[in-house]
Amino acid sequence: RELLENADLVKFAKFKPGEKERDASVGALKDLLV
């Protein structure tokens, strides 16, 4: 839910994450796939 909601915020609410948020999202995706 957190991964998809963060992606939704960027895609639809024009949220501008920083590198820290980007790295956390990439890490979450990897963790979920594993």
PDB file of all heavy atoms in Angstrom:
ATOM      1  N   ARG A   1       0.837  -1.205   0.000  1.00  0.00           N
ATOM      2  CA  ARG A   1       0.000   0.000   0.000  1.00  0.00           C
ATOM      3  C   ARG A   1       0.873   1.257   0.000  1.00  0.00           C
ATOM      4  O   ARG A   1       0.627   2.194  -0.755  1.00  0.00           O
ATOM      5  CB  ARG A   1      -0.950   0.007   1.194  1.00  0.00           C
ATOM      6  CG  ARG A   1      -1.787   1.279   1.296  1.00  0.00           C
ATOM      7  CD  ARG A   1      -2.746   1.251   2.450  1.00  0.00           C
ATOM      8  NE  ARG A   1      -3.807   0.297   2.267  1.00  0.00           N
ATOM      9  CZ  ARG A   1      -4.854   0.479   1.470  1.00  0.00           C
ATOM     10  NH1 ARG A   1      -4.969   1.583   0.769  1.00  0.00           N
ATOM     11  NH2 ARG A   1      -5.783  -0.436   1.367  1.00  0.00           N
ATOM     12  N   GLU A   2       1.892   1.276   0.849  1.00  0.00           N
ATOM     13  CA  GLU A   2       2.768   2.451   0.929  1.00  0.00           C
ATOM     14  C   GLU A   2       3.485   2.711  -0.396  1.00  0.00           C
ATOM     15  O   GLU A   2       3.561   3.849  -0.846  1.00  0.00           O
ATOM     16  CB  GLU A   2       3.787   2.275   2.056  1.00  0.00           C
ATOM     17  CG  GLU A   2       3.173   2.367   3.432  1.00  0.00           C
ATOM     18  CD  GLU A   2       4.134   2.014   4.557  1.00  0.00           C
ATOM     19  OE1 GLU A   2       5.251   1.509   4.280  1.00  0.00           O
ATOM     20  OE2 GLU A   2       3.758   2.233   5.720  1.00  0.00           O
ATOM     21  N   LEU A   3       4.004   1.648  -1.016  1.00  0.00           N
ATOM     22  CA  LEU A   3       4.695   1.808  -2.297  1.00  0.00           C
ATOM     23  C   LEU A   3       3.758   2.396  -3.346  1.00  0.00           C
ATOM     24  O   LEU A   3       4.089   3.368  -4.023  1.00  0.00           O
ATOM     25  CB  LEU A   3       5.246   0.465  -2.781  1.00  0.00           C
ATOM     26  CG  LEU A   3       5.853   0.473  -4.193  1.00  0.00           C
ATOM     27  CD1 LEU A   3       7.136   1.286  -4.220  1.00  0.00           C
ATOM     28  CD2 LEU A   3       6.103  -0.946  -4.671  1.00  0.00           C
ATOM     29  N   LEU A   4       2.571   1.813  -3.463  1.00  0.00           N
ATOM     30  CA  LEU A   4       1.635   2.275  -4.490  1.00  0.00           C
ATOM     31  C   LEU A   4       1.075   3.662  -4.182  1.00  0.00           C
ATOM     32  O   LEU A   4       0.887   4.470  -5.093  1.00  0.00           O
ATOM     33  CB  LEU A   4       0.516   1.250  -4.659  1.00  0.00           C
ATOM     34  CG  LEU A   4       0.971  -0.109  -5.211  1.00  0.00           C
ATOM     35  CD1 LEU A   4      -0.187  -1.102  -5.207  1.00  0.00           C
ATOM     36  CD2 LEU A   4       1.565   0.030  -6.599  1.00  0.00           C
ATOM     37  N   GLU A   5       0.827   3.954  -2.904  1.00  0.00           N
ATOM     38  CA  GLU A   5       0.335   5.290  -2.550  1.00  0.00           C
ATOM     39  C   GLU A   5       1.393   6.356  -2.824  1.00  0.00           C
ATOM     40  O   GLU A   5       1.068   7.448  -3.298  1.00  0.00           O
ATOM     41  CB  GLU A   5      -0.112   5.332  -1.090  1.00  0.00           C
ATOM     42  CG  GLU A   5      -1.448   4.648  -0.869  1.00  0.00           C
ATOM     43  CD  GLU A   5      -1.892   4.632   0.582  1.00  0.00           C
ATOM     44  OE1 GLU A   5      -1.060   4.905   1.487  1.00  0.00           O
ATOM     45  OE2 GLU A   5      -3.073   4.324   0.810  1.00  0.00           O
ATOM     46  N   ASN A   6       2.660   6.042  -2.539  1.00  0.00           N
ATOM     47  CA  ASN A   6       3.729   7.002  -2.836  1.00  0.00           C
ATOM     48  C   ASN A   6       3.824   7.254  -4.338  1.00  0.00           C
ATOM     49  O   ASN A   6       3.988   8.393  -4.779  1.00  0.00           O
ATOM     50  CB  ASN A   6       5.068   6.508  -2.290  1.00  0.00           C
ATOM     51  CG  ASN A   6       5.146   6.611  -0.789  1.00  0.00           C
ATOM     52  OD1 ASN A   6       4.416   7.373  -0.161  1.00  0.00           O
ATOM     53  ND2 ASN A   6       6.022   5.830  -0.189  1.00  0.00           N
ATOM     54  N   ALA A   7       3.714   6.187  -5.116  1.00  0.00           N
ATOM     55  CA  ALA A   7       3.741   6.345  -6.576  1.00  0.00           C
ATOM     56  C   ALA A   7       2.541   7.177  -7.039  1.00  0.00           C
ATOM     57  O   ALA A   7       2.687   8.047  -7.908  1.00  0.00           O
ATOM     58  CB  ALA A   7       3.738   4.981  -7.259  1.00  0.00           C
ATOM     59  N   ASP A   8       1.377   6.934  -6.446  1.00  0.00           N
ATOM     60  CA  ASP A   8       0.179   7.703  -6.804  1.00  0.00           C
ATOM     61  C   ASP A   8       0.353   9.188  -6.487  1.00  0.00           C
ATOM     62  O   ASP A   8      -0.075  10.051  -7.266  1.00  0.00           O
ATOM     63  CB  ASP A   8      -1.055   7.169  -6.080  1.00  0.00           C
ATOM     64  CG  ASP A   8      -1.506   5.816  -6.603  1.00  0.00           C
ATOM     65  OD1 ASP A   8      -1.039   5.391  -7.688  1.00  0.00           O
ATOM     66  OD2 ASP A   8      -2.325   5.168  -5.916  1.00  0.00           O
ATOM     67  N   LEU A   9       0.977   9.497  -5.346  1.00  0.00           N
ATOM     68  CA  LEU A   9       1.205  10.899  -4.989  1.00  0.00           C
ATOM     69  C   LEU A   9       2.060  11.606  -6.036  1.00  0.00           C
ATOM     70  O   LEU A   9       1.798  12.744  -6.391  1.00  0.00           O
ATOM     71  CB  LEU A   9       1.893  10.999  -3.623  1.00  0.00           C
ATOM     72  CG  LEU A   9       1.018  10.780  -2.408  1.00  0.00           C
ATOM     73  CD1 LEU A   9       1.871  10.737  -1.140  1.00  0.00           C
ATOM     74  CD2 LEU A   9      -0.032  11.875  -2.294  1.00  0.00           C
ATOM     75  N   VAL A  10       3.067  10.922  -6.516  1.00  0.00           N
ATOM     76  CA  VAL A  10       3.940  11.518  -7.533  1.00  0.00           C
ATOM     77  C   VAL A  10       3.209  11.632  -8.861  1.00  0.00           C
ATOM     78  O   VAL A  10       3.254  12.670  -9.518  1.00  0.00           O
ATOM     79  CB  VAL A  10       5.236  10.688  -7.698  1.00  0.00           C
ATOM     80  CG1 VAL A  10       6.077  11.220  -8.850  1.00  0.00           C
ATOM     81  CG2 VAL A  10       6.036  10.688  -6.402  1.00  0.00           C
ATOM     82  N   LYS A  11       2.498  10.564  -9.239  1.00  0.00           N
ATOM     83  CA  LYS A  11       1.854  10.533 -10.557  1.00  0.00           C
ATOM     84  C   LYS A  11       0.651  11.465 -10.642  1.00  0.00           C
ATOM     85  O   LYS A  11       0.427  12.085 -11.680  1.00  0.00           O
ATOM     86  CB  LYS A  11       1.415   9.112 -10.889  1.00  0.00           C
ATOM     87  CG  LYS A  11       2.586   8.159 -11.073  1.00  0.00           C
ATOM     88  CD  LYS A  11       2.223   6.752 -11.486  1.00  0.00           C
ATOM     89  CE  LYS A  11       1.003   6.170 -10.855  1.00  0.00           C
ATOM     90  NZ  LYS A  11       0.749   4.765 -11.205  1.00  0.00           N
ATOM     91  N   PHE A  12      -0.121  11.580  -9.558  1.00  0.00           N
ATOM     92  CA  PHE A  12      -1.391  12.295  -9.651  1.00  0.00           C
ATOM     93  C   PHE A  12      -1.457  13.581  -8.825  1.00  0.00           C
ATOM     94  O   PHE A  12      -2.224  14.475  -9.166  1.00  0.00           O
ATOM     95  CB  PHE A  12      -2.547  11.381  -9.249  1.00  0.00           C
ATOM     96  CG  PHE A  12      -2.585  10.116 -10.068  1.00  0.00           C
ATOM     97  CD1 PHE A  12      -2.413   8.886  -9.469  1.00  0.00           C
ATOM     98  CD2 PHE A  12      -2.779  10.153 -11.440  1.00  0.00           C
ATOM     99  CE1 PHE A  12      -2.447   7.710 -10.213  1.00  0.00           C
ATOM    100  CE2 PHE A  12      -2.805   8.991 -12.198  1.00  0.00           C
ATOM    101  CZ  PHE A  12      -2.633   7.767 -11.581  1.00  0.00           C
ATOM    102  N   ALA A  13      -0.689  13.681  -7.760  1.00  0.00           N
ATOM    103  CA  ALA A  13      -0.751  14.875  -6.910  1.00  0.00           C
ATOM    104  C   ALA A  13       0.479  15.754  -7.079  1.00  0.00           C
ATOM    105  O   ALA A  13       0.662  16.712  -6.340  1.00  0.00           O
ATOM    106  CB  ALA A  13      -0.906  14.466  -5.446  1.00  0.00           C
ATOM    107  N   LYS A  14       1.328  15.386  -8.025  1.00  0.00           N
ATOM    108  CA  LYS A  14       2.523  16.166  -8.364  1.00  0.00           C
ATOM    109  C   LYS A  14       3.486  16.333  -7.184  1.00  0.00           C
ATOM    110  O   LYS A  14       4.187  17.330  -7.078  1.00  0.00           O
ATOM    111  CB  LYS A  14       2.129  17.512  -8.948  1.00  0.00           C
ATOM    112  CG  LYS A  14       1.343  17.339 -10.216  1.00  0.00           C
ATOM    113  CD  LYS A  14       1.003  18.658 -10.862  1.00  0.00           C
ATOM    114  CE  LYS A  14       0.249  18.350 -12.062  1.00  0.00           C
ATOM    115  NZ  LYS A  14      -0.414  18.782 -12.926  1.00  0.00           N
ATOM    116  N   PHE A  15       3.503  15.340  -6.288  1.00  0.00           N
ATOM    117  CA  PHE A  15       4.465  15.324  -5.189  1.00  0.00           C
ATOM    118  C   PHE A  15       5.862  15.150  -5.771  1.00  0.00           C
ATOM    119  O   PHE A  15       6.057  14.370  -6.703  1.00  0.00           O
ATOM    120  CB  PHE A  15       4.134  14.182  -4.226  1.00  0.00           C
ATOM    121  CG  PHE A  15       5.152  13.990  -3.138  1.00  0.00           C
ATOM    122  CD1 PHE A  15       5.328  14.951  -2.156  1.00  0.00           C
ATOM    123  CD2 PHE A  15       5.928  12.853  -3.091  1.00  0.00           C
ATOM    124  CE1 PHE A  15       6.268  14.778  -1.154  1.00  0.00           C
ATOM    125  CE2 PHE A  15       6.871  12.665  -2.093  1.00  0.00           C
ATOM    126  CZ  PHE A  15       7.043  13.632  -1.118  1.00  0.00           C
ATOM    127  N   LYS A  16       6.826  15.878  -5.251  1.00  0.00           N
ATOM    128  CA  LYS A  16       8.209  15.813  -5.731  1.00  0.00           C
ATOM    129  C   LYS A  16       9.097  15.203  -4.646  1.00  0.00           C
ATOM    130  O   LYS A  16       9.611  15.908  -3.786  1.00  0.00           O
ATOM    131  CB  LYS A  16       8.722  17.216  -6.089  1.00  0.00           C
ATOM    132  CG  LYS A  16       7.948  17.915  -7.176  1.00  0.00           C
ATOM    133  CD  LYS A  16       8.256  17.319  -8.515  1.00  0.00           C
ATOM    134  CE  LYS A  16       7.589  18.155  -9.595  1.00  0.00           C
ATOM    135  NZ  LYS A  16       7.479  17.492 -10.849  1.00  0.00           N
ATOM    136  N   PRO A  17       9.286  13.885  -4.685  1.00  0.00           N
ATOM    137  CA  PRO A  17      10.134  13.244  -3.682  1.00  0.00           C
ATOM    138  C   PRO A  17      11.606  13.529  -3.934  1.00  0.00           C
ATOM    139  O   PRO A  17      12.009  13.823  -5.053  1.00  0.00           O
ATOM    140  CB  PRO A  17       9.836  11.757  -3.883  1.00  0.00           C
ATOM    141  CG  PRO A  17       9.483  11.656  -5.325  1.00  0.00           C
ATOM    142  CD  PRO A  17       8.768  12.945  -5.655  1.00  0.00           C
ATOM    143  N   GLY A  18      12.378  13.416  -2.872  1.00  0.00           N
ATOM    144  CA  GLY A  18      13.814  13.562  -2.993  1.00  0.00           C
ATOM    145  C   GLY A  18      14.474  12.206  -3.189  1.00  0.00           C
ATOM    146  O   GLY A  18      13.789  11.181  -3.310  1.00  0.00           O
ATOM    147  N   GLU A  19      15.785  12.213  -3.199  1.00  0.00           N
ATOM    148  CA  GLU A  19      16.521  10.966  -3.413  1.00  0.00           C
ATOM    149  C   GLU A  19      16.283   9.968  -2.293  1.00  0.00           C
ATOM    150  O   GLU A  19      16.247   8.763  -2.536  1.00  0.00           O
ATOM    151  CB  GLU A  19      18.016  11.259  -3.575  1.00  0.00           C
ATOM    152  CG  GLU A  19      18.334  11.938  -4.882  1.00  0.00           C
ATOM    153  CD  GLU A  19      19.815  12.175  -5.097  1.00  0.00           C
ATOM    154  OE1 GLU A  19      20.643  11.630  -4.336  1.00  0.00           O
ATOM    155  OE2 GLU A  19      20.145  12.915  -6.035  1.00  0.00           O
ATOM    156  N   LYS A  20      16.113  10.456  -1.067  1.00  0.00           N
ATOM    157  CA  LYS A  20      15.851   9.568   0.071  1.00  0.00           C
ATOM    158  C   LYS A  20      14.545   8.800  -0.141  1.00  0.00           C
ATOM    159  O   LYS A  20      14.488   7.589   0.053  1.00  0.00           O
ATOM    160  CB  LYS A  20      15.798  10.378   1.365  1.00  0.00           C
ATOM    161  CG  LYS A  20      15.591   9.563   2.604  1.00  0.00           C
ATOM    162  CD  LYS A  20      15.601  10.452   3.843  1.00  0.00           C
ATOM    163  CE  LYS A  20      15.303   9.643   5.079  1.00  0.00           C
ATOM    164  NZ  LYS A  20      15.239  10.473   6.280  1.00  0.00           N
ATOM    165  N   GLU A  21      13.503   9.497  -0.560  1.00  0.00           N
ATOM    166  CA  GLU A  21      12.209   8.851  -0.828  1.00  0.00           C
ATOM    167  C   GLU A  21      12.308   7.911  -2.025  1.00  0.00           C
ATOM    168  O   GLU A  21      11.725   6.830  -2.019  1.00  0.00           O
ATOM    169  CB  GLU A  21      11.111   9.894  -1.074  1.00  0.00           C
ATOM    170  CG  GLU A  21      10.729  10.702   0.136  1.00  0.00           C
ATOM    171  CD  GLU A  21      11.566  11.962   0.333  1.00  0.00           C
ATOM    172  OE1 GLU A  21      12.477  12.238  -0.475  1.00  0.00           O
ATOM    173  OE2 GLU A  21      11.305  12.675   1.312  1.00  0.00           O
ATOM    174  N   ARG A  22      13.053   8.329  -3.045  1.00  0.00           N
ATOM    175  CA  ARG A  22      13.252   7.473  -4.216  1.00  0.00           C
ATOM    176  C   ARG A  22      13.916   6.160  -3.812  1.00  0.00           C
ATOM    177  O   ARG A  22      13.459   5.083  -4.173  1.00  0.00           O
ATOM    178  CB  ARG A  22      14.122   8.187  -5.253  1.00  0.00           C
ATOM    179  CG  ARG A  22      14.484   7.298  -6.456  1.00  0.00           C
ATOM    180  CD  ARG A  22      15.744   7.706  -7.162  1.00  0.00           C
ATOM    181  NE  ARG A  22      16.894   7.639  -6.275  1.00  0.00           N
ATOM    182  CZ  ARG A  22      18.053   8.207  -6.534  1.00  0.00           C
ATOM    183  NH1 ARG A  22      18.230   8.911  -7.635  1.00  0.00           N
ATOM    184  NH2 ARG A  22      19.068   8.101  -5.690  1.00  0.00           N
ATOM    185  N   ASP A  23      14.996   6.279  -3.034  1.00  0.00           N
ATOM    186  CA  ASP A  23      15.722   5.080  -2.605  1.00  0.00           C
ATOM    187  C   ASP A  23      14.844   4.178  -1.742  1.00  0.00           C
ATOM    188  O   ASP A  23      14.910   2.949  -1.857  1.00  0.00           O
ATOM    189  CB  ASP A  23      16.997   5.472  -1.850  1.00  0.00           C
ATOM    190  CG  ASP A  23      18.025   6.150  -2.749  1.00  0.00           C
ATOM    191  OD1 ASP A  23      17.877   6.101  -3.994  1.00  0.00           O
ATOM    192  OD2 ASP A  23      18.979   6.751  -2.203  1.00  0.00           O
ATOM    193  N   ALA A  24      14.019   4.782  -0.890  1.00  0.00           N
ATOM    194  CA  ALA A  24      13.111   3.992  -0.054  1.00  0.00           C
ATOM    195  C   ALA A  24      12.083   3.263  -0.918  1.00  0.00           C
ATOM    196  O   ALA A  24      11.766   2.090  -0.660  1.00  0.00           O
ATOM    197  CB  ALA A  24      12.412   4.886   0.967  1.00  0.00           C
ATOM    198  N   SER A  25      11.591   3.904  -1.951  1.00  0.00           N
ATOM    199  CA  SER A  25      10.606   3.273  -2.843  1.00  0.00           C
ATOM    200  C   SER A  25      11.236   2.133  -3.632  1.00  0.00           C
ATOM    201  O   SER A  25      10.642   1.063  -3.780  1.00  0.00           O
ATOM    202  CB  SER A  25      10.009   4.305  -3.799  1.00  0.00           C
ATOM    203  OG  SER A  25       9.217   5.230  -3.091  1.00  0.00           O
ATOM    204  N   VAL A  26      12.426   2.341  -4.134  1.00  0.00           N
ATOM    205  CA  VAL A  26      13.133   1.284  -4.878  1.00  0.00           C
ATOM    206  C   VAL A  26      13.415   0.114  -3.932  1.00  0.00           C
ATOM    207  O   VAL A  26      13.219  -1.053  -4.289  1.00  0.00           O
ATOM    208  CB  VAL A  26      14.427   1.815  -5.522  1.00  0.00           C
ATOM    209  CG1 VAL A  26      15.278   0.685  -6.075  1.00  0.00           C
ATOM    210  CG2 VAL A  26      14.099   2.819  -6.627  1.00  0.00           C
ATOM    211  N   GLY A  27      13.841   0.402  -2.722  1.00  0.00           N
ATOM    212  CA  GLY A  27      14.096  -0.642  -1.730  1.00  0.00           C
ATOM    213  C   GLY A  27      12.836  -1.422  -1.387  1.00  0.00           C
ATOM    214  O   GLY A  27      12.866  -2.650  -1.262  1.00  0.00           O
ATOM    215  N   ALA A  28      11.721  -0.707  -1.247  1.00  0.00           N
ATOM    216  CA  ALA A  28      10.449  -1.374  -0.944  1.00  0.00           C
ATOM    217  C   ALA A  28      10.037  -2.299  -2.086  1.00  0.00           C
ATOM    218  O   ALA A  28       9.583  -3.424  -1.848  1.00  0.00           O
ATOM    219  CB  ALA A  28       9.359  -0.334  -0.680  1.00  0.00           C
ATOM    220  N   LEU A  29      10.196  -1.844  -3.319  1.00  0.00           N
ATOM    221  CA  LEU A  29       9.868  -2.683  -4.466  1.00  0.00           C
ATOM    222  C   LEU A  29      10.723  -3.954  -4.464  1.00  0.00           C
ATOM    223  O   LEU A  29      10.197  -5.060  -4.619  1.00  0.00           O
ATOM    224  CB  LEU A  29      10.063  -1.916  -5.776  1.00  0.00           C
ATOM    225  CG  LEU A  29       9.867  -2.734  -7.056  1.00  0.00           C
ATOM    226  CD1 LEU A  29       8.451  -3.266  -7.151  1.00  0.00           C
ATOM    227  CD2 LEU A  29      10.222  -1.899  -8.277  1.00  0.00           C
ATOM    228  N   LYS A  30      12.024  -3.794  -4.253  1.00  0.00           N
ATOM    229  CA  LYS A  30      12.911  -4.958  -4.216  1.00  0.00           C
ATOM    230  C   LYS A  30      12.506  -5.920  -3.104  1.00  0.00           C
ATOM    231  O   LYS A  30      12.449  -7.133  -3.313  1.00  0.00           O
ATOM    232  CB  LYS A  30      14.366  -4.519  -4.024  1.00  0.00           C
ATOM    233  CG  LYS A  30      14.966  -3.880  -5.240  1.00  0.00           C
ATOM    234  CD  LYS A  30      16.397  -3.433  -4.962  1.00  0.00           C
ATOM    235  CE  LYS A  30      17.001  -2.742  -6.164  1.00  0.00           C
ATOM    236  NZ  LYS A  30      18.370  -2.269  -5.878  1.00  0.00           N
ATOM    237  N   ASP A  31      12.219  -5.378  -1.916  1.00  0.00           N
ATOM    238  CA  ASP A  31      11.816  -6.221  -0.781  1.00  0.00           C
ATOM    239  C   ASP A  31      10.547  -7.005  -1.093  1.00  0.00           C
ATOM    240  O   ASP A  31      10.447  -8.190  -0.776  1.00  0.00           O
ATOM    241  CB  ASP A  31      11.581  -5.375   0.472  1.00  0.00           C
ATOM    242  CG  ASP A  31      12.854  -4.789   1.054  1.00  0.00           C
ATOM    243  OD1 ASP A  31      13.964  -5.221   0.655  1.00  0.00           O
ATOM    244  OD2 ASP A  31      12.741  -3.881   1.905  1.00  0.00           O
ATOM    245  N   LEU A  32       9.587  -6.343  -1.715  1.00  0.00           N
ATOM    246  CA  LEU A  32       8.325  -7.015  -2.050  1.00  0.00           C
ATOM    247  C   LEU A  32       8.545  -8.117  -3.081  1.00  0.00           C
ATOM    248  O   LEU A  32       8.003  -9.219  -2.945  1.00  0.00           O
ATOM    249  CB  LEU A  32       7.299  -5.993  -2.555  1.00  0.00           C
ATOM    250  CG  LEU A  32       6.727  -5.083  -1.478  1.00  0.00           C
ATOM    251  CD1 LEU A  32       6.011  -3.897  -2.110  1.00  0.00           C
ATOM    252  CD2 LEU A  32       5.803  -5.851  -0.549  1.00  0.00           C
ATOM    253  N   LEU A  33       9.334  -7.836  -4.090  1.00  0.00           N
ATOM    254  CA  LEU A  33       9.589  -8.851  -5.112  1.00  0.00           C
ATOM    255  C   LEU A  33      10.325 -10.052  -4.526  1.00  0.00           C
ATOM    256  O   LEU A  33      10.002 -11.195  -4.842  1.00  0.00           O
ATOM    257  CB  LEU A  33      10.356  -8.251  -6.284  1.00  0.00           C
ATOM    258  CG  LEU A  33       9.624  -7.153  -7.068  1.00  0.00           C
ATOM    259  CD1 LEU A  33      10.513  -6.614  -8.186  1.00  0.00           C
ATOM    260  CD2 LEU A  33       8.301  -7.629  -7.609  1.00  0.00           C
ATOM    261  N   VAL A  34      11.289  -9.797  -3.657  1.00  0.00           N
ATOM    262  CA  VAL A  34      12.008 -10.895  -3.002  1.00  0.00           C
ATOM    263  C   VAL A  34      11.055 -11.698  -2.125  1.00  0.00           C
ATOM    264  O   VAL A  34      11.056 -12.930  -2.153  1.00  0.00           O
ATOM    265  CB  VAL A  34      13.208 -10.355  -2.183  1.00  0.00           C
ATOM    266  CG1 VAL A  34      13.754 -11.416  -1.231  1.00  0.00           C
ATOM    267  CG2 VAL A  34      14.300  -9.856  -3.108  1.00  0.00           C
TER     268      VAL A  34
END
